[in-house]
Protein backbone atom coordinates (compact mmCIF):
# COMPACT_ATOMS: atom_id res chain seq x y z
CA UNK A 1 0.00 0.00 0.00
CA UNK A 2 1.33 3.43 -0.98
CA UNK A 3 1.54 6.12 1.65
CA UNK A 4 0.42 9.53 0.47
CA UNK A 5 2.90 12.40 0.48
CA UNK A 6 0.66 14.32 2.84
CA UNK A 7 0.59 11.46 5.35
CA UNK A 8 4.36 10.97 5.08
CA UNK A 9 4.96 14.69 5.74
CA UNK A 10 2.71 14.49 8.80
CA UNK A 11 4.65 11.52 10.23
CA UNK A 12 7.93 13.28 9.52
CA UNK A 13 6.73 16.44 11.25
CA UNK A 14 5.68 14.48 14.34
CA UNK A 15 9.04 12.68 14.37
CA UNK A 16 10.94 15.99 14.25
CA UNK A 17 8.90 17.33 17.17
CA UNK A 18 9.63 14.24 19.28
CA UNK A 19 13.33 14.42 18.36
CA UNK A 20 13.28 18.11 19.30
CA UNK A 21 11.80 17.36 22.72
CA UNK A 22 14.62 14.89 23.37
CA UNK A 23 17.31 17.40 22.30
CA UNK A 24 15.92 20.29 24.36
CA UNK A 25 17.22 18.72 27.56
CA UNK A 26 20.81 19.23 26.33
CA UNK A 27 20.41 22.99 25.75
CA UNK A 28 20.66 25.92 28.19
CA UNK A 29 17.37 27.22 26.81
CA UNK A 30 15.03 26.54 23.93
CA UNK A 31 11.76 28.09 22.80
CA UNK A 32 8.66 26.44 21.41
CA UNK A 33 8.25 25.11 17.88
CA UNK A 34 11.76 23.58 17.91
CA UNK A 35 12.02 21.40 14.78
CA UNK A 36 15.58 20.11 14.32
CA UNK A 37 16.51 17.95 11.36
CA UNK A 38 18.24 14.65 11.96
CA UNK A 39 20.92 14.61 13.11
CA UNK A 40 21.56 17.86 14.96
CA UNK A 41 24.85 17.33 16.77
CA UNK A 42 25.14 19.42 19.92
CA UNK A 43 28.39 19.81 21.86
CA UNK A 44 28.46 22.12 24.89
CA UNK A 45 24.69 22.48 24.90
CA UNK A 46 24.83 24.12 28.33
CA UNK A 47 26.25 27.15 26.46
CA UNK A 48 23.60 27.22 23.70
CA UNK A 49 20.22 28.97 23.73
CA UNK A 50 17.68 28.80 20.91
CA UNK A 51 14.56 30.96 20.51
CA UNK A 52 11.09 30.24 19.12
CA UNK A 53 10.44 28.64 15.70
CA UNK A 54 13.84 27.06 15.02
CA UNK A 55 14.09 24.68 12.07
CA UNK A 56 17.07 22.80 10.66
CA UNK A 57 17.30 20.23 7.89
CA UNK A 58 20.17 18.13 9.27
CA UNK A 59 22.78 17.03 9.48
CA UNK A 60 23.83 20.20 11.32
CA UNK A 61 26.33 20.92 14.09
CA UNK A 62 26.24 23.33 17.06
CA UNK A 63 29.49 23.52 19.04
CA UNK A 64 29.12 25.64 22.17
CA UNK A 65 32.13 24.11 23.90
CA UNK A 66 34.08 26.75 25.87
CA UNK A 67 32.01 29.48 24.18
CA UNK A 68 28.45 30.77 23.80
CA UNK A 69 25.87 30.48 21.05
CA UNK A 70 22.54 32.30 21.11
CA UNK A 71 20.07 31.82 18.26
CA UNK A 72 17.01 34.08 17.96
CA UNK A 73 13.45 33.45 16.81
CA UNK A 74 12.35 32.16 13.41
CA UNK A 75 15.77 30.89 12.30
CA UNK A 76 16.04 28.41 9.41
CA UNK A 77 19.18 26.33 8.90
CA UNK A 78 19.78 24.20 5.81
CA UNK A 79 21.89 21.01 5.65
CA UNK A 80 25.48 20.54 6.84
CA UNK A 81 25.76 23.86 8.69
CA UNK A 82 28.49 24.14 11.34
CA UNK A 83 28.21 26.80 14.03
CA UNK A 84 31.21 26.71 16.38
CA UNK A 85 31.81 29.10 19.29
CA UNK A 86 34.99 27.44 20.65
CA UNK A 87 36.16 30.05 23.20
CA UNK A 88 34.15 32.75 21.45
CA UNK A 89 30.60 34.06 21.19
CA UNK A 90 28.08 33.77 18.37
CA UNK A 91 24.79 35.66 18.39
CA UNK A 92 22.30 34.97 15.61
CA UNK A 93 19.33 37.35 15.50
CA UNK A 94 15.71 36.82 14.46
CA UNK A 95 14.38 35.89 11.00
CA UNK A 96 17.70 34.54 9.72
CA UNK A 97 18.18 32.02 6.90
CA UNK A 98 21.42 30.04 6.70
CA UNK A 99 22.09 28.08 3.49
CA UNK A 100 23.63 24.64 3.10
CA UNK A 101 27.29 23.94 3.94
CA UNK A 102 27.83 27.21 5.83
CA UNK A 103 30.59 27.44 8.46
CA UNK A 104 30.25 30.07 11.20
CA UNK A 105 33.32 29.92 13.43
CA UNK A 106 34.08 32.36 16.27
CA UNK A 107 37.65 31.14 16.78
CA UNK A 108 40.85 30.72 14.83
CA UNK A 109 43.37 27.98 15.41
CA UNK A 110 46.82 29.17 16.50
CA UNK A 111 49.52 29.14 13.80
CA UNK A 112 52.67 30.25 15.67
CA UNK A 113 55.93 28.82 14.41
CA UNK A 114 57.18 28.10 17.92
CA UNK A 115 55.14 24.94 18.47
CA UNK A 116 53.41 22.09 16.74
CA UNK A 117 50.34 23.38 14.98
CA UNK A 118 48.17 20.57 16.34
CA UNK A 119 48.93 21.65 19.94
CA UNK A 120 48.13 25.34 19.54
CA UNK A 121 45.07 26.86 21.21
CA UNK A 122 42.08 28.53 19.62
CA UNK A 123 41.78 32.32 19.76
CA UNK A 124 38.17 33.19 20.45
CA UNK A 125 36.27 36.11 18.99
CA UNK A 126 32.71 37.28 18.46
CA UNK A 127 30.30 36.91 15.57
CA UNK A 128 27.05 38.87 15.53
CA UNK A 129 24.43 38.16 12.90
CA UNK A 130 21.68 40.75 13.17
CA UNK A 131 17.99 40.31 12.27
CA UNK A 132 16.67 39.56 8.76
CA UNK A 133 19.94 38.19 7.34
CA UNK A 134 20.32 35.61 4.57
CA UNK A 135 23.57 33.67 4.33
CA UNK A 136 23.80 31.75 1.04
CA UNK A 137 25.17 28.24 0.61
CA UNK A 138 28.86 27.40 1.06
CA UNK A 139 29.77 30.60 2.94
CA UNK A 140 32.35 30.95 5.70
CA UNK A 141 31.87 33.56 8.43
CA UNK A 142 35.09 34.20 10.39
CA UNK A 143 35.60 35.57 13.91
CA UNK A 144 35.15 39.21 14.91
CA UNK A 145 32.52 39.91 12.25
CA UNK A 146 29.14 41.65 12.42
CA UNK A 147 26.57 40.97 9.70
CA UNK A 148 24.32 44.04 9.71
CA UNK A 149 20.55 43.92 9.76
CA UNK A 150 18.97 42.85 6.49
CA UNK A 151 22.20 41.99 4.69
CA UNK A 152 22.63 39.17 2.18
CA UNK A 153 25.81 37.10 1.89
CA UNK A 154 26.00 35.55 -1.59
CA UNK A 155 26.78 31.85 -2.01
CA UNK A 156 30.44 30.93 -1.60
CA UNK A 157 31.52 34.15 0.12
CA UNK A 158 34.17 34.26 2.85
CA UNK A 159 33.33 37.05 5.31
CA UNK A 160 36.23 38.38 7.37
CA UNK A 161 35.06 42.00 7.86
CA UNK A 162 31.82 43.60 9.04
CA UNK A 163 28.95 43.81 6.56
CA UNK A 164 26.83 46.98 6.52
CA UNK A 165 23.07 46.77 7.07
CA UNK A 166 21.01 45.94 3.95
CA UNK A 167 24.10 45.43 1.79
CA UNK A 168 24.76 42.44 -0.46
CA UNK A 169 28.27 40.98 -0.36
CA UNK A 170 29.92 38.35 -2.55
CA UNK A 171 33.33 36.85 -3.24
CA UNK A 172 36.51 35.79 -1.49
CA UNK A 173 37.02 37.87 0.51
CA UNK A 174 33.46 39.18 0.60
CA UNK A 175 32.96 42.66 -0.87
CA UNK A 176 29.88 44.82 -1.21
CA UNK A 177 28.28 44.39 -4.64
CA UNK A 178 24.84 45.93 -4.11
CA UNK A 179 22.21 47.00 -1.60
CA UNK A 180 18.76 45.64 -0.86
CA UNK A 181 16.09 48.01 -2.11
C-alpha atoms as a PDB file:
ATOM      1  CA  UNK A   1       0.000   0.000   0.000  1.00  0.00           C
ATOM      2  CA  UNK A   2       1.327   3.428  -0.979  1.00  0.00           C
ATOM      3  CA  UNK A   3       1.544   6.119   1.648  1.00  0.00           C
ATOM      4  CA  UNK A   4       0.415   9.532   0.470  1.00  0.00           C
ATOM      5  CA  UNK A   5       2.896  12.398   0.478  1.00  0.00           C
ATOM      6  CA  UNK A   6       0.655  14.321   2.838  1.00  0.00           C
ATOM      7  CA  UNK A   7       0.589  11.462   5.349  1.00  0.00           C
ATOM      8  CA  UNK A   8       4.360  10.972   5.075  1.00  0.00           C
ATOM      9  CA  UNK A   9       4.956  14.691   5.744  1.00  0.00           C
ATOM     10  CA  UNK A  10       2.706  14.495   8.799  1.00  0.00           C
ATOM     11  CA  UNK A  11       4.650  11.516  10.229  1.00  0.00           C
ATOM     12  CA  UNK A  12       7.933  13.279   9.522  1.00  0.00           C
ATOM     13  CA  UNK A  13       6.730  16.438  11.252  1.00  0.00           C
ATOM     14  CA  UNK A  14       5.679  14.484  14.344  1.00  0.00           C
ATOM     15  CA  UNK A  15       9.037  12.680  14.374  1.00  0.00           C
ATOM     16  CA  UNK A  16      10.935  15.986  14.253  1.00  0.00           C
ATOM     17  CA  UNK A  17       8.904  17.333  17.170  1.00  0.00           C
ATOM     18  CA  UNK A  18       9.632  14.239  19.281  1.00  0.00           C
ATOM     19  CA  UNK A  19      13.330  14.422  18.355  1.00  0.00           C
ATOM     20  CA  UNK A  20      13.281  18.108  19.300  1.00  0.00           C
ATOM     21  CA  UNK A  21      11.801  17.357  22.719  1.00  0.00           C
ATOM     22  CA  UNK A  22      14.615  14.894  23.372  1.00  0.00           C
ATOM     23  CA  UNK A  23      17.311  17.397  22.303  1.00  0.00           C
ATOM     24  CA  UNK A  24      15.924  20.293  24.365  1.00  0.00           C
ATOM     25  CA  UNK A  25      17.222  18.718  27.560  1.00  0.00           C
ATOM     26  CA  UNK A  26      20.809  19.230  26.330  1.00  0.00           C
ATOM     27  CA  UNK A  27      20.405  22.995  25.755  1.00  0.00           C
ATOM     28  CA  UNK A  28      20.663  25.924  28.188  1.00  0.00           C
ATOM     29  CA  UNK A  29      17.371  27.219  26.815  1.00  0.00           C
ATOM     30  CA  UNK A  30      15.028  26.537  23.928  1.00  0.00           C
ATOM     31  CA  UNK A  31      11.757  28.094  22.795  1.00  0.00           C
ATOM     32  CA  UNK A  32       8.659  26.440  21.412  1.00  0.00           C
ATOM     33  CA  UNK A  33       8.255  25.113  17.878  1.00  0.00           C
ATOM     34  CA  UNK A  34      11.755  23.580  17.906  1.00  0.00           C
ATOM     35  CA  UNK A  35      12.024  21.402  14.778  1.00  0.00           C
ATOM     36  CA  UNK A  36      15.576  20.108  14.323  1.00  0.00           C
ATOM     37  CA  UNK A  37      16.508  17.948  11.365  1.00  0.00           C
ATOM     38  CA  UNK A  38      18.242  14.646  11.955  1.00  0.00           C
ATOM     39  CA  UNK A  39      20.918  14.610  13.112  1.00  0.00           C
ATOM     40  CA  UNK A  40      21.558  17.858  14.959  1.00  0.00           C
ATOM     41  CA  UNK A  41      24.848  17.325  16.774  1.00  0.00           C
ATOM     42  CA  UNK A  42      25.137  19.423  19.917  1.00  0.00           C
ATOM     43  CA  UNK A  43      28.390  19.813  21.862  1.00  0.00           C
ATOM     44  CA  UNK A  44      28.457  22.116  24.885  1.00  0.00           C
ATOM     45  CA  UNK A  45      24.687  22.479  24.902  1.00  0.00           C
ATOM     46  CA  UNK A  46      24.833  24.120  28.327  1.00  0.00           C
ATOM     47  CA  UNK A  47      26.253  27.153  26.460  1.00  0.00           C
ATOM     48  CA  UNK A  48      23.604  27.219  23.700  1.00  0.00           C
ATOM     49  CA  UNK A  49      20.218  28.970  23.730  1.00  0.00           C
ATOM     50  CA  UNK A  50      17.680  28.803  20.907  1.00  0.00           C
ATOM     51  CA  UNK A  51      14.561  30.956  20.508  1.00  0.00           C
ATOM     52  CA  UNK A  52      11.089  30.241  19.118  1.00  0.00           C
ATOM     53  CA  UNK A  53      10.443  28.635  15.701  1.00  0.00           C
ATOM     54  CA  UNK A  54      13.843  27.056  15.017  1.00  0.00           C
ATOM     55  CA  UNK A  55      14.086  24.677  12.072  1.00  0.00           C
ATOM     56  CA  UNK A  56      17.069  22.801  10.656  1.00  0.00           C
ATOM     57  CA  UNK A  57      17.304  20.228   7.888  1.00  0.00           C
ATOM     58  CA  UNK A  58      20.166  18.125   9.269  1.00  0.00           C
ATOM     59  CA  UNK A  59      22.784  17.025   9.485  1.00  0.00           C
ATOM     60  CA  UNK A  60      23.832  20.196  11.323  1.00  0.00           C
ATOM     61  CA  UNK A  61      26.328  20.919  14.091  1.00  0.00           C
ATOM     62  CA  UNK A  62      26.244  23.329  17.057  1.00  0.00           C
ATOM     63  CA  UNK A  63      29.490  23.517  19.044  1.00  0.00           C
ATOM     64  CA  UNK A  64      29.117  25.642  22.169  1.00  0.00           C
ATOM     65  CA  UNK A  65      32.133  24.111  23.900  1.00  0.00           C
ATOM     66  CA  UNK A  66      34.077  26.753  25.869  1.00  0.00           C
ATOM     67  CA  UNK A  67      32.009  29.481  24.182  1.00  0.00           C
ATOM     68  CA  UNK A  68      28.451  30.767  23.804  1.00  0.00           C
ATOM     69  CA  UNK A  69      25.867  30.479  21.048  1.00  0.00           C
ATOM     70  CA  UNK A  70      22.536  32.297  21.106  1.00  0.00           C
ATOM     71  CA  UNK A  71      20.066  31.824  18.265  1.00  0.00           C
ATOM     72  CA  UNK A  72      17.014  34.077  17.955  1.00  0.00           C
ATOM     73  CA  UNK A  73      13.454  33.448  16.806  1.00  0.00           C
ATOM     74  CA  UNK A  74      12.355  32.162  13.405  1.00  0.00           C
ATOM     75  CA  UNK A  75      15.772  30.885  12.297  1.00  0.00           C
ATOM     76  CA  UNK A  76      16.036  28.408   9.411  1.00  0.00           C
ATOM     77  CA  UNK A  77      19.181  26.328   8.902  1.00  0.00           C
ATOM     78  CA  UNK A  78      19.784  24.203   5.806  1.00  0.00           C
ATOM     79  CA  UNK A  79      21.890  21.009   5.652  1.00  0.00           C
ATOM     80  CA  UNK A  80      25.477  20.542   6.842  1.00  0.00           C
ATOM     81  CA  UNK A  81      25.755  23.861   8.689  1.00  0.00           C
ATOM     82  CA  UNK A  82      28.485  24.139  11.338  1.00  0.00           C
ATOM     83  CA  UNK A  83      28.215  26.801  14.031  1.00  0.00           C
ATOM     84  CA  UNK A  84      31.211  26.714  16.380  1.00  0.00           C
ATOM     85  CA  UNK A  85      31.813  29.100  19.285  1.00  0.00           C
ATOM     86  CA  UNK A  86      34.994  27.436  20.653  1.00  0.00           C
ATOM     87  CA  UNK A  87      36.162  30.052  23.205  1.00  0.00           C
ATOM     88  CA  UNK A  88      34.150  32.751  21.446  1.00  0.00           C
ATOM     89  CA  UNK A  89      30.595  34.062  21.193  1.00  0.00           C
ATOM     90  CA  UNK A  90      28.081  33.773  18.372  1.00  0.00           C
ATOM     91  CA  UNK A  91      24.795  35.665  18.390  1.00  0.00           C
ATOM     92  CA  UNK A  92      22.298  34.971  15.608  1.00  0.00           C
ATOM     93  CA  UNK A  93      19.328  37.350  15.504  1.00  0.00           C
ATOM     94  CA  UNK A  94      15.714  36.825  14.461  1.00  0.00           C
ATOM     95  CA  UNK A  95      14.375  35.892  11.002  1.00  0.00           C
ATOM     96  CA  UNK A  96      17.698  34.543   9.722  1.00  0.00           C
ATOM     97  CA  UNK A  97      18.181  32.017   6.898  1.00  0.00           C
ATOM     98  CA  UNK A  98      21.421  30.037   6.703  1.00  0.00           C
ATOM     99  CA  UNK A  99      22.086  28.082   3.490  1.00  0.00           C
ATOM    100  CA  UNK A 100      23.634  24.637   3.096  1.00  0.00           C
ATOM    101  CA  UNK A 101      27.290  23.941   3.939  1.00  0.00           C
ATOM    102  CA  UNK A 102      27.833  27.206   5.828  1.00  0.00           C
ATOM    103  CA  UNK A 103      30.586  27.442   8.463  1.00  0.00           C
ATOM    104  CA  UNK A 104      30.248  30.067  11.203  1.00  0.00           C
ATOM    105  CA  UNK A 105      33.316  29.919  13.427  1.00  0.00           C
ATOM    106  CA  UNK A 106      34.077  32.360  16.266  1.00  0.00           C
ATOM    107  CA  UNK A 107      37.649  31.145  16.777  1.00  0.00           C
ATOM    108  CA  UNK A 108      40.855  30.722  14.832  1.00  0.00           C
ATOM    109  CA  UNK A 109      43.374  27.979  15.409  1.00  0.00           C
ATOM    110  CA  UNK A 110      46.820  29.166  16.500  1.00  0.00           C
ATOM    111  CA  UNK A 111      49.522  29.145  13.804  1.00  0.00           C
ATOM    112  CA  UNK A 112      52.674  30.254  15.670  1.00  0.00           C
ATOM    113  CA  UNK A 113      55.925  28.817  14.407  1.00  0.00           C
ATOM    114  CA  UNK A 114      57.183  28.101  17.922  1.00  0.00           C
ATOM    115  CA  UNK A 115      55.141  24.943  18.468  1.00  0.00           C
ATOM    116  CA  UNK A 116      53.413  22.090  16.742  1.00  0.00           C
ATOM    117  CA  UNK A 117      50.336  23.377  14.982  1.00  0.00           C
ATOM    118  CA  UNK A 118      48.170  20.566  16.338  1.00  0.00           C
ATOM    119  CA  UNK A 119      48.934  21.655  19.938  1.00  0.00           C
ATOM    120  CA  UNK A 120      48.132  25.340  19.535  1.00  0.00           C
ATOM    121  CA  UNK A 121      45.074  26.855  21.214  1.00  0.00           C
ATOM    122  CA  UNK A 122      42.084  28.527  19.623  1.00  0.00           C
ATOM    123  CA  UNK A 123      41.778  32.321  19.761  1.00  0.00           C
ATOM    124  CA  UNK A 124      38.174  33.189  20.449  1.00  0.00           C
ATOM    125  CA  UNK A 125      36.270  36.110  18.988  1.00  0.00           C
ATOM    126  CA  UNK A 126      32.712  37.283  18.462  1.00  0.00           C
ATOM    127  CA  UNK A 127      30.296  36.908  15.573  1.00  0.00           C
ATOM    128  CA  UNK A 128      27.047  38.875  15.533  1.00  0.00           C
ATOM    129  CA  UNK A 129      24.428  38.161  12.896  1.00  0.00           C
ATOM    130  CA  UNK A 130      21.678  40.755  13.172  1.00  0.00           C
ATOM    131  CA  UNK A 131      17.986  40.308  12.271  1.00  0.00           C
ATOM    132  CA  UNK A 132      16.666  39.561   8.759  1.00  0.00           C
ATOM    133  CA  UNK A 133      19.944  38.193   7.343  1.00  0.00           C
ATOM    134  CA  UNK A 134      20.317  35.611   4.570  1.00  0.00           C
ATOM    135  CA  UNK A 135      23.574  33.672   4.325  1.00  0.00           C
ATOM    136  CA  UNK A 136      23.797  31.754   1.043  1.00  0.00           C
ATOM    137  CA  UNK A 137      25.174  28.235   0.611  1.00  0.00           C
ATOM    138  CA  UNK A 138      28.863  27.400   1.062  1.00  0.00           C
ATOM    139  CA  UNK A 139      29.772  30.596   2.940  1.00  0.00           C
ATOM    140  CA  UNK A 140      32.354  30.949   5.695  1.00  0.00           C
ATOM    141  CA  UNK A 141      31.871  33.559   8.431  1.00  0.00           C
ATOM    142  CA  UNK A 142      35.086  34.201  10.391  1.00  0.00           C
ATOM    143  CA  UNK A 143      35.597  35.570  13.909  1.00  0.00           C
ATOM    144  CA  UNK A 144      35.152  39.214  14.912  1.00  0.00           C
ATOM    145  CA  UNK A 145      32.523  39.914  12.253  1.00  0.00           C
ATOM    146  CA  UNK A 146      29.137  41.652  12.417  1.00  0.00           C
ATOM    147  CA  UNK A 147      26.573  40.975   9.698  1.00  0.00           C
ATOM    148  CA  UNK A 148      24.317  44.038   9.715  1.00  0.00           C
ATOM    149  CA  UNK A 149      20.547  43.924   9.763  1.00  0.00           C
ATOM    150  CA  UNK A 150      18.969  42.847   6.489  1.00  0.00           C
ATOM    151  CA  UNK A 151      22.199  41.991   4.694  1.00  0.00           C
ATOM    152  CA  UNK A 152      22.631  39.172   2.176  1.00  0.00           C
ATOM    153  CA  UNK A 153      25.809  37.099   1.892  1.00  0.00           C
ATOM    154  CA  UNK A 154      26.004  35.546  -1.587  1.00  0.00           C
ATOM    155  CA  UNK A 155      26.779  31.851  -2.008  1.00  0.00           C
ATOM    156  CA  UNK A 156      30.441  30.926  -1.603  1.00  0.00           C
ATOM    157  CA  UNK A 157      31.524  34.152   0.115  1.00  0.00           C
ATOM    158  CA  UNK A 158      34.166  34.264   2.846  1.00  0.00           C
ATOM    159  CA  UNK A 159      33.332  37.046   5.308  1.00  0.00           C
ATOM    160  CA  UNK A 160      36.225  38.383   7.369  1.00  0.00           C
ATOM    161  CA  UNK A 161      35.058  42.002   7.864  1.00  0.00           C
ATOM    162  CA  UNK A 162      31.821  43.599   9.040  1.00  0.00           C
ATOM    163  CA  UNK A 163      28.947  43.807   6.561  1.00  0.00           C
ATOM    164  CA  UNK A 164      26.829  46.982   6.520  1.00  0.00           C
ATOM    165  CA  UNK A 165      23.068  46.766   7.072  1.00  0.00           C
ATOM    166  CA  UNK A 166      21.014  45.943   3.945  1.00  0.00           C
ATOM    167  CA  UNK A 167      24.100  45.425   1.794  1.00  0.00           C
ATOM    168  CA  UNK A 168      24.763  42.442  -0.455  1.00  0.00           C
ATOM    169  CA  UNK A 169      28.271  40.976  -0.358  1.00  0.00           C
ATOM    170  CA  UNK A 170      29.922  38.349  -2.551  1.00  0.00           C
ATOM    171  CA  UNK A 171      33.328  36.854  -3.244  1.00  0.00           C
ATOM    172  CA  UNK A 172      36.510  35.790  -1.495  1.00  0.00           C
ATOM    173  CA  UNK A 173      37.017  37.870   0.506  1.00  0.00           C
ATOM    174  CA  UNK A 174      33.459  39.178   0.601  1.00  0.00           C
ATOM    175  CA  UNK A 175      32.964  42.658  -0.868  1.00  0.00           C
ATOM    176  CA  UNK A 176      29.877  44.821  -1.206  1.00  0.00           C
ATOM    177  CA  UNK A 177      28.284  44.386  -4.644  1.00  0.00           C
ATOM    178  CA  UNK A 178      24.835  45.929  -4.112  1.00  0.00           C
ATOM    179  CA  UNK A 179      22.207  47.004  -1.597  1.00  0.00           C
ATOM    180  CA  UNK A 180      18.764  45.636  -0.863  1.00  0.00           C
ATOM    181  CA  UNK A 181      16.089  48.008  -2.109  1.00  0.00           C
END
